[in-house]
C-alpha atoms as a PDB file:
ATOM      1  CA  MET A   1     -25.544 -28.697  21.608  1.00  0.00           C
ATOM      2  CA  ARG A   2     -23.381 -25.664  21.174  1.00  0.00           C
ATOM      3  CA  ARG A   3     -20.002 -25.852  22.744  1.00  0.00           C
ATOM      4  CA  VAL A   4     -18.189 -22.862  24.281  1.00  0.00           C
ATOM      5  CA  GLY A   5     -15.319 -22.468  21.815  1.00  0.00           C
ATOM      6  CA  ALA A   6     -11.749 -21.431  22.282  1.00  0.00           C
ATOM      7  CA  LEU A   7     -10.848 -17.769  22.188  1.00  0.00           C
ATOM      8  CA  CYS A   8     -10.567 -16.469  18.660  1.00  0.00           C
ATOM      9  CA  ALA A   9     -10.617 -13.152  16.849  1.00  0.00           C
ATOM     10  CA  ALA A  10     -11.539 -11.630  13.535  1.00  0.00           C
ATOM     11  CA  LEU A  11      -8.397 -10.439  11.857  1.00  0.00           C
ATOM     12  CA  ALA A  12      -6.659  -9.374   8.617  1.00  0.00           C
ATOM     13  CA  VAL A  13      -7.982  -6.501   6.545  1.00  0.00           C
ATOM     14  CA  THR A  14      -8.244  -4.958   3.108  1.00  0.00           C
ATOM     15  CA  VAL A  15      -9.047  -1.240   3.181  1.00  0.00           C
ATOM     16  CA  VAL A  16     -11.262   0.322   0.531  1.00  0.00           C
ATOM     17  CA  GLY A  17      -9.543   3.201  -1.228  1.00  0.00           C
ATOM     18  CA  CYS A  18     -10.472   6.623   0.058  1.00  0.00           C
ATOM     19  CA  GLY A  19     -10.423   8.198  -3.393  1.00  0.00           C
ATOM     20  CA  HIS A  20      -8.394  11.184  -2.230  1.00  0.00           C
ATOM     21  CA  GLU A  21      -5.302  12.493  -3.915  1.00  0.00           C
ATOM     22  CA  ARG A  22      -1.926  11.108  -2.837  1.00  0.00           C
ATOM     23  CA  GLN A  23      -0.323  13.211  -0.128  1.00  0.00           C
ATOM     24  CA  MET A  24       3.340  12.669   0.670  1.00  0.00           C
ATOM     25  CA  ILE A  25       5.040  13.869   3.826  1.00  0.00           C
ATOM     26  CA  THR A  26       8.772  13.374   4.186  1.00  0.00           C
ATOM     27  CA  TRP A  27      11.270  14.289   6.848  1.00  0.00           C
ATOM     28  CA  GLU A  28      12.964  16.631   4.383  1.00  0.00           C
ATOM     29  CA  THR A  29       9.784  18.677   3.868  1.00  0.00           C
ATOM     30  CA  ALA A  30       8.269  18.447   7.344  1.00  0.00           C
ATOM     31  CA  HIS A  31      11.486  18.762   9.353  1.00  0.00           C
ATOM     32  CA  PRO A  32      14.336  20.123   7.194  1.00  0.00           C
ATOM     33  CA  GLU A  33      16.543  20.506  10.270  1.00  0.00           C
ATOM     34  CA  ILE A  34      16.447  16.741  11.003  1.00  0.00           C
ATOM     35  CA  GLU A  35      19.207  14.598   9.568  1.00  0.00           C
ATOM     36  CA  VAL A  36      18.125  11.159   8.344  1.00  0.00           C
ATOM     37  CA  GLU A  37      20.612   8.401   7.719  1.00  0.00           C
ATOM     38  CA  ALA A  38      20.382   6.291   4.557  1.00  0.00           C
ATOM     39  CA  PRO A  39      18.488   3.002   5.038  1.00  0.00           C
ATOM     40  CA  ALA A  40      20.553  -0.111   5.634  1.00  0.00           C
ATOM     41  CA  ASP A  41      20.745  -2.768   2.904  1.00  0.00           C
ATOM     42  CA  ASP A  42      21.241  -5.735   5.222  1.00  0.00           C
ATOM     43  CA  GLY A  43      17.613  -6.093   6.318  1.00  0.00           C
ATOM     44  CA  ALA A  44      18.214  -4.302   9.633  1.00  0.00           C
ATOM     45  CA  PRO A  45      15.395  -2.178  11.085  1.00  0.00           C
ATOM     46  CA  PRO A  46      15.246   1.460   9.990  1.00  0.00           C
ATOM     47  CA  PRO A  47      17.666   3.751  11.898  1.00  0.00           C
ATOM     48  CA  ARG A  48      16.419   6.198  14.476  1.00  0.00           C
ATOM     49  CA  LYS A  49      16.013   9.832  13.496  1.00  0.00           C
ATOM     50  CA  THR A  50      18.462  12.245  15.082  1.00  0.00           C
ATOM     51  CA  ARG A  51      16.986  15.489  16.327  1.00  0.00           C
ATOM     52  CA  PRO A  52      18.855  18.651  17.302  1.00  0.00           C
ATOM     53  CA  ALA A  53      19.133  19.301  21.044  1.00  0.00           C
ATOM     54  CA  ALA A  54      16.458  22.000  20.892  1.00  0.00           C
ATOM     55  CA  ARG A  55      13.886  19.478  19.665  1.00  0.00           C
ATOM     56  CA  GLN A  56      14.619  16.722  22.162  1.00  0.00           C
ATOM     57  CA  ARG A  57      12.017  17.753  24.747  1.00  0.00           C
ATOM     58  CA  ARG A  58       9.077  15.338  24.758  1.00  0.00           C
ATOM     59  CA  ALA A  59       6.159  14.450  27.000  1.00  0.00           C
ATOM     60  CA  ARG A  60       6.881  13.149  30.467  1.00  0.00           C
ATOM     61  CA  PRO A  61       7.070   9.324  30.606  1.00  0.00           C
ATOM     62  CA  GLU A  62       4.038   9.096  32.859  1.00  0.00           C
ATOM     63  CA  ASP A  63       1.989  11.139  30.361  1.00  0.00           C
ATOM     64  CA  GLN A  64       3.198   9.548  27.130  1.00  0.00           C
ATOM     65  CA  PHE A  65       0.611   6.772  27.045  1.00  0.00           C
ATOM     66  CA  GLY A  66      -1.788   8.079  29.662  1.00  0.00           C
ATOM     67  CA  GLY A  67      -5.088   7.549  27.870  1.00  0.00           C
ATOM     68  CA  GLY A  68      -6.268   5.713  24.813  1.00  0.00           C
ATOM     69  CA  ARG A  69      -8.695   7.356  22.405  1.00  0.00           C
ATOM     70  CA  ARG A  70     -12.277   6.235  23.022  1.00  0.00           C
ATOM     71  CA  SER A  71     -14.856   5.927  20.262  1.00  0.00           C
ATOM     72  CA  ALA A  72     -17.590   8.464  19.571  1.00  0.00           C
ATOM     73  CA  SER A  73     -19.972   6.955  22.128  1.00  0.00           C
ATOM     74  CA  LEU A  74     -19.679   8.274  25.683  1.00  0.00           C
ATOM     75  CA  THR A  75     -20.813   4.913  27.070  1.00  0.00           C
ATOM     76  CA  PRO A  76     -18.087   2.243  27.293  1.00  0.00           C
ATOM     77  CA  PRO A  77     -18.863  -0.939  25.317  1.00  0.00           C
ATOM     78  CA  GLY A  78     -18.838  -3.050  28.487  1.00  0.00           C
ATOM     79  CA  VAL A  79     -21.611  -0.925  30.004  1.00  0.00           C
ATOM     80  CA  GLN A  80     -23.601  -1.108  26.763  1.00  0.00           C
ATOM     81  CA  ILE A  81     -23.319  -4.899  26.759  1.00  0.00           C
ATOM     82  CA  ASP A  82     -24.289  -5.310  30.416  1.00  0.00           C
ATOM     83  CA  ARG A  83     -27.345  -3.089  29.986  1.00  0.00           C
ATOM     84  CA  ALA A  84     -28.444  -5.059  26.922  1.00  0.00           C
ATOM     85  CA  LEU A  85     -27.984  -8.376  28.737  1.00  0.00           C
ATOM     86  CA  MET A  86     -29.956  -7.228  31.782  1.00  0.00           C
ATOM     87  CA  ARG A  87     -32.866  -6.101  29.629  1.00  0.00           C
ATOM     88  CA  PHE A  88     -32.695  -9.292  27.534  1.00  0.00           C
ATOM     89  CA  GLN A  89     -32.876 -11.604  30.540  1.00  0.00           C
ATOM     90  CA  SER A  90     -35.508  -9.536  32.309  1.00  0.00           C
ATOM     91  CA  GLU A  91     -37.802  -9.337  29.268  1.00  0.00           C
ATOM     92  CA  ARG A  92     -37.321 -13.030  28.456  1.00  0.00           C
ATOM     93  CA  LEU A  93     -38.456 -13.960  31.961  1.00  0.00           C
ATOM     94  CA  LYS A  94     -41.556 -11.778  31.604  1.00  0.00           C
ATOM     95  CA  ALA A  95     -42.278 -13.251  28.173  1.00  0.00           C
ATOM     96  CA  ARG A  96     -42.146 -16.803  29.528  1.00  0.00           C
ATOM     97  CA  LYS A  97     -44.458 -15.994  32.439  1.00  0.00           C
ATOM     98  CA  ARG A  98     -47.111 -14.394  30.253  1.00  0.00           C
ATOM     99  CA  ARG A  99     -46.511 -16.852  27.404  1.00  0.00           C
ATOM    100  CA  ALA A 100     -45.775 -14.097  24.930  1.00  0.00           C
ATOM    101  CA  PRO A 101     -46.120 -14.875  21.215  1.00  0.00           C
ATOM    102  CA  ALA A 102     -43.110 -16.198  19.306  1.00  0.00           C
ATOM    103  CA  ALA A 103     -42.624 -12.905  17.472  1.00  0.00           C
ATOM    104  CA  ALA A 104     -42.051 -11.059  20.753  1.00  0.00           C
ATOM    105  CA  ARG A 105     -39.385 -13.516  21.904  1.00  0.00           C
ATOM    106  CA  VAL A 106     -37.653 -13.440  18.515  1.00  0.00           C
ATOM    107  CA  LYS A 107     -37.610  -9.643  18.765  1.00  0.00           C
ATOM    108  CA  LEU A 108     -35.722  -9.859  22.102  1.00  0.00           C
ATOM    109  CA  TRP A 109     -32.990 -11.937  20.461  1.00  0.00           C
ATOM    110  CA  ASN A 110     -32.648  -9.463  17.609  1.00  0.00           C
ATOM    111  CA  GLU A 111     -32.467  -6.510  20.006  1.00  0.00           C
ATOM    112  CA  VAL A 112     -29.726  -7.943  22.221  1.00  0.00           C
ATOM    113  CA  LEU A 113     -27.603  -9.084  19.278  1.00  0.00           C
ATOM    114  CA  THR A 114     -27.921  -5.682  17.604  1.00  0.00           C
ATOM    115  CA  ALA A 115     -26.868  -3.961  20.841  1.00  0.00           C
ATOM    116  CA  ILE A 116     -23.802  -6.217  21.167  1.00  0.00           C
ATOM    117  CA  ASP A 117     -22.950  -5.683  17.492  1.00  0.00           C
ATOM    118  CA  ASP A 118     -22.981  -1.921  18.125  1.00  0.00           C
ATOM    119  CA  ALA A 119     -20.789  -2.327  21.226  1.00  0.00           C
ATOM    120  CA  CYS A 120     -18.223  -4.300  19.221  1.00  0.00           C
ATOM    121  CA  ALA A 121     -17.739  -1.236  17.021  1.00  0.00           C
ATOM    122  CA  GLU A 122     -16.648   0.801  20.067  1.00  0.00           C
ATOM    123  CA  GLU A 123     -13.088   1.092  21.302  1.00  0.00           C
ATOM    124  CA  PRO A 124     -12.592  -1.403  24.172  1.00  0.00           C
ATOM    125  CA  SER A 125     -10.483  -1.200  27.318  1.00  0.00           C
ATOM    126  CA  ALA A 126      -9.533  -3.666  30.052  1.00  0.00           C
ATOM    127  CA  ASP A 127     -12.552  -2.426  32.053  1.00  0.00           C
ATOM    128  CA  ASP A 128     -14.800  -4.061  29.437  1.00  0.00           C
ATOM    129  CA  PHE A 129     -13.230  -7.512  29.826  1.00  0.00           C
ATOM    130  CA  GLY A 130     -15.854  -8.886  32.213  1.00  0.00           C
ATOM    131  CA  ALA A 131     -18.776  -7.760  30.063  1.00  0.00           C
ATOM    132  CA  PHE A 132     -17.522  -9.682  27.039  1.00  0.00           C
ATOM    133  CA  VAL A 133     -17.000 -12.806  29.174  1.00  0.00           C
ATOM    134  CA  ARG A 134     -20.504 -12.518  30.651  1.00  0.00           C
ATOM    135  CA  ALA A 135     -22.119 -11.946  27.263  1.00  0.00           C
ATOM    136  CA  ARG A 136     -20.349 -14.968  25.787  1.00  0.00           C
ATOM    137  CA  ALA A 137     -21.594 -17.247  28.563  1.00  0.00           C
ATOM    138  CA  ILE A 138     -25.145 -15.861  28.904  1.00  0.00           C
ATOM    139  CA  LEU A 139     -25.956 -15.896  25.206  1.00  0.00           C
ATOM    140  CA  ASP A 140     -24.632 -19.430  24.827  1.00  0.00           C
ATOM    141  CA  VAL A 141     -26.749 -20.693  27.748  1.00  0.00           C
ATOM    142  CA  GLU A 142     -29.894 -18.906  26.553  1.00  0.00           C
ATOM    143  CA  TYR A 143     -29.455 -20.237  23.019  1.00  0.00           C
ATOM    144  CA  ARG A 144     -29.045 -23.815  24.227  1.00  0.00           C
ATOM    145  CA  HIS A 145     -32.147 -23.392  26.397  1.00  0.00           C
ATOM    146  CA  ASP A 146     -34.227 -22.295  23.418  1.00  0.00           C
ATOM    147  CA  VAL A 147     -32.887 -25.097  21.227  1.00  0.00           C
ATOM    148  CA  ASP A 148     -33.510 -27.768  23.892  1.00  0.00           C
ATOM    149  CA  LYS A 149     -37.021 -26.463  24.591  1.00  0.00           C
ATOM    150  CA  LYS A 150     -37.709 -25.930  20.884  1.00  0.00           C
ATOM    151  CA  GLY A 151     -38.492 -22.310  21.589  1.00  0.00           C
ATOM    152  CA  PRO A 152     -38.838 -19.623  18.910  1.00  0.00           C
ATOM    153  CA  VAL A 153     -35.535 -18.190  17.675  1.00  0.00           C
ATOM    154  CA  PRO A 154     -34.686 -15.843  14.777  1.00  0.00           C
ATOM    155  CA  LYS A 155     -33.835 -17.458  11.472  1.00  0.00           C
ATOM    156  CA  GLY A 156     -30.071 -17.967  11.168  1.00  0.00           C
ATOM    157  CA  LEU A 157     -29.489 -17.298  14.875  1.00  0.00           C
ATOM    158  CA  GLY A 158     -26.839 -20.005  15.159  1.00  0.00           C
ATOM    159  CA  LYS A 159     -24.695 -18.477  12.410  1.00  0.00           C
ATOM    160  CA  ARG A 160     -25.147 -14.976  13.793  1.00  0.00           C
ATOM    161  CA  LEU A 161     -24.108 -16.115  17.254  1.00  0.00           C
ATOM    162  CA  ASP A 162     -21.018 -17.813  15.830  1.00  0.00           C
ATOM    163  CA  GLU A 163     -19.966 -14.494  14.276  1.00  0.00           C
ATOM    164  CA  ILE A 164     -20.552 -12.524  17.476  1.00  0.00           C
ATOM    165  CA  PHE A 165     -18.852 -15.187  19.612  1.00  0.00           C
ATOM    166  CA  ALA A 166     -15.759 -14.984  17.383  1.00  0.00           C
ATOM    167  CA  VAL A 167     -15.578 -11.219  17.914  1.00  0.00           C
ATOM    168  CA  MET A 168     -16.162 -11.470  21.679  1.00  0.00           C
ATOM    169  CA  ASP A 169     -13.572 -14.241  22.017  1.00  0.00           C
ATOM    170  CA  GLY A 170     -11.098 -11.989  20.257  1.00  0.00           C
ATOM    171  CA  ARG A 171     -11.909  -9.096  22.581  1.00  0.00           C
ATOM    172  CA  VAL A 172     -11.433 -11.317  25.643  1.00  0.00           C
ATOM    173  CA  ALA A 173      -8.068 -12.510  24.329  1.00  0.00           C
ATOM    174  CA  GLU A 174      -6.683  -9.069  23.515  1.00  0.00           C
ATOM    175  CA  LEU A 175      -7.996  -7.358  26.656  1.00  0.00           C
ATOM    176  CA  ARG A 176      -6.556 -10.087  28.890  1.00  0.00           C
ATOM    177  CA  LEU A 177      -3.110  -9.314  27.472  1.00  0.00           C
ATOM    178  CA  ALA A 178      -3.582  -5.537  27.261  1.00  0.00           C
ATOM    179  CA  SER A 179      -3.850  -4.349  30.842  1.00  0.00           C
ATOM    180  CA  GLY A 180      -0.524  -3.146  32.162  1.00  0.00           C
ATOM    181  CA  ASN A 181      -1.854  -3.609  35.694  1.00  0.00           C
ATOM    182  CA  VAL A 182      -2.250  -7.374  35.197  1.00  0.00           C
ATOM    183  CA  PRO A 183       1.148  -9.093  35.484  1.00  0.00           C
ATOM    184  CA  LEU A 184       1.865 -11.730  32.843  1.00  0.00           C
ATOM    185  CA  GLY A 185       5.514 -12.220  33.694  1.00  0.00           C
ATOM    186  CA  PRO A 186       8.548 -10.392  35.065  1.00  0.00           C
ATOM    187  CA  ALA A 187       8.023  -6.663  34.525  1.00  0.00           C
ATOM    188  CA  PRO A 188      10.987  -4.687  33.173  1.00  0.00           C
ATOM    189  CA  SER A 189      12.665  -1.825  35.003  1.00  0.00           C
ATOM    190  CA  TRP A 190      13.686   0.826  32.508  1.00  0.00           C
ATOM    191  CA  SER A 191      14.853   4.414  32.743  1.00  0.00           C
ATOM    192  CA  ASP A 192      12.478   7.357  32.988  1.00  0.00           C
ATOM    193  CA  GLU A 193      13.193   8.327  29.383  1.00  0.00           C
ATOM    194  CA  PRO A 194      10.138   8.355  27.066  1.00  0.00           C
ATOM    195  CA  LEU A 195       9.705   5.230  24.964  1.00  0.00           C
ATOM    196  CA  ASP A 196      10.814   5.656  21.377  1.00  0.00           C
ATOM    197  CA  PHE A 197       8.957   3.184  19.155  1.00  0.00           C
ATOM    198  CA  ARG A 198      10.351   2.103  15.800  1.00  0.00           C
ATOM    199  CA  PRO A 199       8.681   0.132  12.983  1.00  0.00           C
ATOM    200  CA  PRO A 200       8.329  -3.625  13.600  1.00  0.00           C
ATOM    201  CA  VAL A 201       9.500  -4.417  10.045  1.00  0.00           C
ATOM    202  CA  SER A 202      12.141  -2.822   7.824  1.00  0.00           C
ATOM    203  CA  THR A 203       9.685  -1.557   5.207  1.00  0.00           C
ATOM    204  CA  MET A 204       6.258  -1.023   6.666  1.00  0.00           C
ATOM    205  CA  VAL A 205       3.010  -0.734   4.723  1.00  0.00           C
ATOM    206  CA  VAL A 206      -0.150  -0.451   6.824  1.00  0.00           C
ATOM    207  CA  THR A 207      -3.054  -2.119   5.030  1.00  0.00           C
ATOM    208  CA  SER A 208      -5.624  -1.552   7.778  1.00  0.00           C
ATOM    209  CA  PRO A 209      -5.300   1.354  10.238  1.00  0.00           C
ATOM    210  CA  PHE A 210      -6.356   1.713  13.860  1.00  0.00           C
ATOM    211  CA  GLY A 211     -10.035   2.362  14.555  1.00  0.00           C
ATOM    212  CA  VAL A 212     -13.503   1.380  13.360  1.00  0.00           C
ATOM    213  CA  ARG A 213     -13.522  -0.631  10.135  1.00  0.00           C
ATOM    214  CA  ILE A 214     -15.688  -3.088   8.200  1.00  0.00           C
ATOM    215  CA  ASP A 215     -14.722  -6.574   9.298  1.00  0.00           C
ATOM    216  CA  PRO A 216     -13.427  -8.412   6.205  1.00  0.00           C
ATOM    217  CA  ILE A 217     -14.863 -11.729   7.404  1.00  0.00           C
ATOM    218  CA  HIS A 218     -18.319 -10.753   8.694  1.00  0.00           C
ATOM    219  CA  GLY A 219     -18.844  -7.457   6.868  1.00  0.00           C
ATOM    220  CA  LYS A 220     -19.894  -5.521   9.973  1.00  0.00           C
ATOM    221  CA  GLN A 221     -18.395  -2.557  11.773  1.00  0.00           C
ATOM    222  CA  ARG A 222     -15.803  -3.614  14.331  1.00  0.00           C
ATOM    223  CA  PHE A 223     -13.126  -1.756  16.239  1.00  0.00           C
ATOM    224  CA  HIS A 224      -9.611  -2.638  15.062  1.00  0.00           C
ATOM    225  CA  ALA A 225      -7.349  -2.197  18.105  1.00  0.00           C
ATOM    226  CA  GLY A 226      -4.088  -2.076  16.153  1.00  0.00           C
ATOM    227  CA  VAL A 227      -2.732  -1.814  12.617  1.00  0.00           C
ATOM    228  CA  ASP A 228      -2.271  -4.531  10.017  1.00  0.00           C
ATOM    229  CA  VAL A 229       1.117  -4.441   8.337  1.00  0.00           C
ATOM    230  CA  GLY A 230       1.323  -6.042   4.914  1.00  0.00           C
ATOM    231  CA  ALA A 231       4.520  -8.052   4.419  1.00  0.00           C
ATOM    232  CA  PRO A 232       5.620 -11.261   2.659  1.00  0.00           C
ATOM    233  CA  LEU A 233       5.613 -14.548   4.536  1.00  0.00           C
ATOM    234  CA  GLY A 234       8.754 -14.897   6.638  1.00  0.00           C
ATOM    235  CA  THR A 235       9.581 -11.166   6.827  1.00  0.00           C
ATOM    236  CA  THR A 236      11.654 -10.419   9.924  1.00  0.00           C
ATOM    237  CA  VAL A 237       9.755  -8.816  12.834  1.00  0.00           C
ATOM    238  CA  TYR A 238      11.632  -6.623  15.328  1.00  0.00           C
ATOM    239  CA  ALA A 239      10.897  -5.466  18.886  1.00  0.00           C
ATOM    240  CA  THR A 240       9.692  -1.893  18.518  1.00  0.00           C
ATOM    241  CA  ALA A 241      11.219  -0.769  21.841  1.00  0.00           C
ATOM    242  CA  PRO A 242      13.240  -2.244  24.748  1.00  0.00           C
ATOM    243  CA  GLY A 243      11.264  -4.512  27.048  1.00  0.00           C
ATOM    244  CA  THR A 244      10.635  -7.960  28.469  1.00  0.00           C
ATOM    245  CA  VAL A 245       8.682 -10.741  26.751  1.00  0.00           C
ATOM    246  CA  VAL A 246       5.606 -11.548  28.876  1.00  0.00           C
ATOM    247  CA  PHE A 247       3.779 -13.763  26.385  1.00  0.00           C
ATOM    248  CA  ALA A 248       5.011 -15.895  23.482  1.00  0.00           C
ATOM    249  CA  GLY A 249       2.793 -18.626  22.082  1.00  0.00           C
ATOM    250  CA  TRP A 250      -0.537 -19.446  20.497  1.00  0.00           C
ATOM    251  CA  GLN A 251      -3.385 -17.034  21.233  1.00  0.00           C
ATOM    252  CA  GLY A 252      -6.584 -18.199  19.531  1.00  0.00           C
ATOM    253  CA  GLY A 253      -7.485 -16.154  16.454  1.00  0.00           C
ATOM    254  CA  PHE A 254      -4.305 -14.096  16.839  1.00  0.00           C
ATOM    255  CA  GLY A 255      -2.267 -17.198  16.039  1.00  0.00           C
ATOM    256  CA  ARG A 256       1.367 -17.170  17.113  1.00  0.00           C
ATOM    257  CA  HIS A 257       1.510 -14.102  19.304  1.00  0.00           C
ATOM    258  CA  ILE A 258       4.115 -12.110  21.249  1.00  0.00           C
ATOM    259  CA  VAL A 259       3.556  -9.472  23.945  1.00  0.00           C
ATOM    260  CA  ILE A 260       6.424  -7.275  25.141  1.00  0.00           C
ATOM    261  CA  ASP A 261       6.146  -5.238  28.346  1.00  0.00           C
ATOM    262  CA  HIS A 262       8.051  -1.955  28.059  1.00  0.00           C
ATOM    263  CA  GLY A 263       7.491  -0.792  31.623  1.00  0.00           C
ATOM    264  CA  ARG A 264       5.003   1.738  33.047  1.00  0.00           C
ATOM    265  CA  GLY A 265       2.175  -0.515  31.846  1.00  0.00           C
ATOM    266  CA  VAL A 266       2.951  -0.094  28.141  1.00  0.00           C
ATOM    267  CA  ARG A 267       2.891  -3.254  26.025  1.00  0.00           C
ATOM    268  CA  SER A 268       3.342  -4.011  22.337  1.00  0.00           C
ATOM    269  CA  HIS A 269       1.560  -6.922  20.651  1.00  0.00           C
ATOM    270  CA  TYR A 270       2.570  -8.882  17.523  1.00  0.00           C
ATOM    271  CA  SER A 271       0.124 -11.360  15.952  1.00  0.00           C
ATOM    272  CA  HIS A 272      -0.224 -13.979  13.163  1.00  0.00           C
ATOM    273  CA  LEU A 273       3.475 -14.826  13.261  1.00  0.00           C
ATOM    274  CA  GLU A 274       4.957 -17.707  11.295  1.00  0.00           C
ATOM    275  CA  ASP A 275       7.768 -18.222  13.821  1.00  0.00           C
ATOM    276  CA  ILE A 276       8.601 -16.988  17.330  1.00  0.00           C
ATOM    277  CA  PHE A 277      12.278 -16.494  18.196  1.00  0.00           C
ATOM    278  CA  VAL A 278      11.978 -15.308  21.821  1.00  0.00           C
ATOM    279  CA  ASP A 279      10.939 -16.788  25.176  1.00  0.00           C
ATOM    280  CA  VAL A 280       8.869 -15.463  28.079  1.00  0.00           C
ATOM    281  CA  GLY A 281      11.097 -13.578  30.514  1.00  0.00           C
ATOM    282  CA  GLN A 282      13.673 -12.642  27.874  1.00  0.00           C
ATOM    283  CA  SER A 283      14.909  -9.041  27.950  1.00  0.00           C
ATOM    284  CA  LEU A 284      15.080  -7.317  24.585  1.00  0.00           C
ATOM    285  CA  ASP A 285      16.661  -4.263  23.047  1.00  0.00           C
ATOM    286  CA  GLY A 286      14.719  -2.135  20.590  1.00  0.00           C
ATOM    287  CA  GLY A 287      15.249  -3.520  17.105  1.00  0.00           C
ATOM    288  CA  GLN A 288      16.013  -7.068  18.254  1.00  0.00           C
ATOM    289  CA  ILE A 289      14.588  -9.872  16.088  1.00  0.00           C
ATOM    290  CA  ILE A 290      11.577 -11.551  17.722  1.00  0.00           C
ATOM    291  CA  GLY A 291       9.769 -13.459  14.969  1.00  0.00           C
ATOM    292  CA  ALA A 292       8.669 -13.740  11.349  1.00  0.00           C
ATOM    293  CA  VAL A 293       5.528 -12.554   9.566  1.00  0.00           C
ATOM    294  CA  GLY A 294       2.972 -15.288   8.964  1.00  0.00           C
ATOM    295  CA  ALA A 295      -0.723 -16.035   8.541  1.00  0.00           C
ATOM    296  CA  SER A 296      -1.393 -18.077  11.691  1.00  0.00           C
ATOM    297  CA  GLY A 297      -4.722 -17.834  13.451  1.00  0.00           C
ATOM    298  CA  ARG A 298      -7.663 -16.180  11.705  1.00  0.00           C
ATOM    299  CA  ALA A 299      -5.939 -14.388   8.858  1.00  0.00           C
ATOM    300  CA  THR A 300      -6.769 -13.918   5.184  1.00  0.00           C
ATOM    301  CA  GLY A 301      -3.088 -13.878   4.230  1.00  0.00           C
ATOM    302  CA  PRO A 302       0.427 -13.084   5.499  1.00  0.00           C
ATOM    303  CA  HIS A 303       0.552  -9.904   7.550  1.00  0.00           C
ATOM    304  CA  LEU A 304       1.489  -8.595  10.981  1.00  0.00           C
ATOM    305  CA  HIS A 305      -1.133  -7.278  13.384  1.00  0.00           C
ATOM    306  CA  TRP A 306       0.733  -4.780  15.585  1.00  0.00           C
ATOM    307  CA  ALA A 307      -0.850  -3.122  18.610  1.00  0.00           C
ATOM    308  CA  ILE A 308       0.208  -1.010  21.597  1.00  0.00           C
ATOM    309  CA  SER A 309      -1.683  -0.866  24.906  1.00  0.00           C
ATOM    310  CA  ASN A 310      -1.186   1.448  27.873  1.00  0.00           C
ATOM    311  CA  ARG A 311      -1.342   1.095  31.641  1.00  0.00           C
ATOM    312  CA  GLU A 312      -5.128   1.644  31.613  1.00  0.00           C
ATOM    313  CA  GLY A 313      -5.621  -1.394  29.406  1.00  0.00           C
ATOM    314  CA  ARG A 314      -6.566   0.732  26.412  1.00  0.00           C
ATOM    315  CA  PHE A 315      -5.097   0.416  22.951  1.00  0.00           C
ATOM    316  CA  VAL A 316      -3.437   3.425  21.325  1.00  0.00           C
ATOM    317  CA  ASP A 317      -2.772   4.038  17.662  1.00  0.00           C
ATOM    318  CA  PRO A 318       0.731   2.626  16.944  1.00  0.00           C
ATOM    319  CA  LEU A 319       1.238   5.223  14.209  1.00  0.00           C
ATOM    320  CA  GLU A 320       0.734   7.997  16.750  1.00  0.00           C
ATOM    321  CA  ALA A 321       3.043   6.265  19.209  1.00  0.00           C
ATOM    322  CA  MET A 322       5.802   5.923  16.633  1.00  0.00           C
ATOM    323  CA  ASP A 323       7.894   8.920  15.604  1.00  0.00           C
ATOM    324  CA  SER A 324       7.872   8.445  11.834  1.00  0.00           C
ATOM    325  CA  PRO A 325       6.611  10.260   8.705  1.00  0.00           C
ATOM    326  CA  ALA A 326       3.787   8.827   6.681  1.00  0.00           C
ATOM    327  CA  ILE A 327       2.668   8.590   3.079  1.00  0.00           C
ATOM    328  CA  VAL A 328      -1.123   8.566   2.789  1.00  0.00           C
ATOM    329  CA  ALA A 329      -2.608   7.239  -0.445  1.00  0.00           C
ATOM    330  CA  GLN A 330      -5.666   5.229  -1.489  1.00  0.00           C
ATOM    331  CA  GLY A 331      -6.588   4.352   2.101  1.00  0.00           C
ATOM    332  CA  LYS A 332      -3.135   2.981   2.908  1.00  0.00           C
ATOM    333  CA  VAL A 333      -0.393   4.368   5.102  1.00  0.00           C
ATOM    334  CA  SER A 334       3.224   3.575   4.254  1.00  0.00           C
ATOM    335  CA  LEU A 335       6.022   4.252   6.702  1.00  0.00           C
ATOM    336  CA  ARG A 336       9.483   4.724   5.274  1.00  0.00           C
END
């Protein structure tokens, strides 16, 4: 009998080269009026950039992380999943009553799993949380029913369900921690100044960007709700902005995991850590040491999965949230 597993997630990425020519953007070429201090040699996080007074005006705090970027589909993944589940259960009931041939019932399994696969490639938000929970439970119950009754099922259904369950468990885990409207601990009270995010490691190389990608474990399209930062085992990880630790511990496929609440519903997430150096409820300054890069959870090697979520429970691209230049080459983004 299948057993409802613990929450887990598909992680760690290698990006296929884009084949385009190397493009380099530096602060000297993009913003010649900005003075940049030399990097520190003591392993400290990169210094902040100093802008002239005329360039200090930024978006209002309440607008800075107002809405995450949705995927191409206009239908949220949670709605797609619920519609597929309703049709699946309705058609299965009809098939049992009229004693439909095995091929028809196998087709229903293939259709619902394809629909859920497609939904997993869409950008999720906290509103989709319930749909992933329902799908996990319903599919598990229906599968056990067919196995117990020796009903017709597609070839390899068990393996395919394991893959989809791993993705859905990961979605449930990350969405539970993403919504700024769901308290996980003492919320910080910070000034009305816009948040200024800095890199979570001293030298940052992004090996898998934010957005739809081919899952390195299952080989299917999945939405990557953060960035993977390549770094050696034990590399120091820093808080990217001031905040309060609202989660610090093991989180299924994310391994050793930290969530920092920065106020106004904005949270940063750090996964696959080797060590955690902070406690829940601890107040942090930007740049304070919080952990070390590892390969805990479902990871193909040492790296940091770094994500930022807003008050709507949607994930935003950390590279867009961080004020830093980028070097784009061979499908990788390096931040200096």
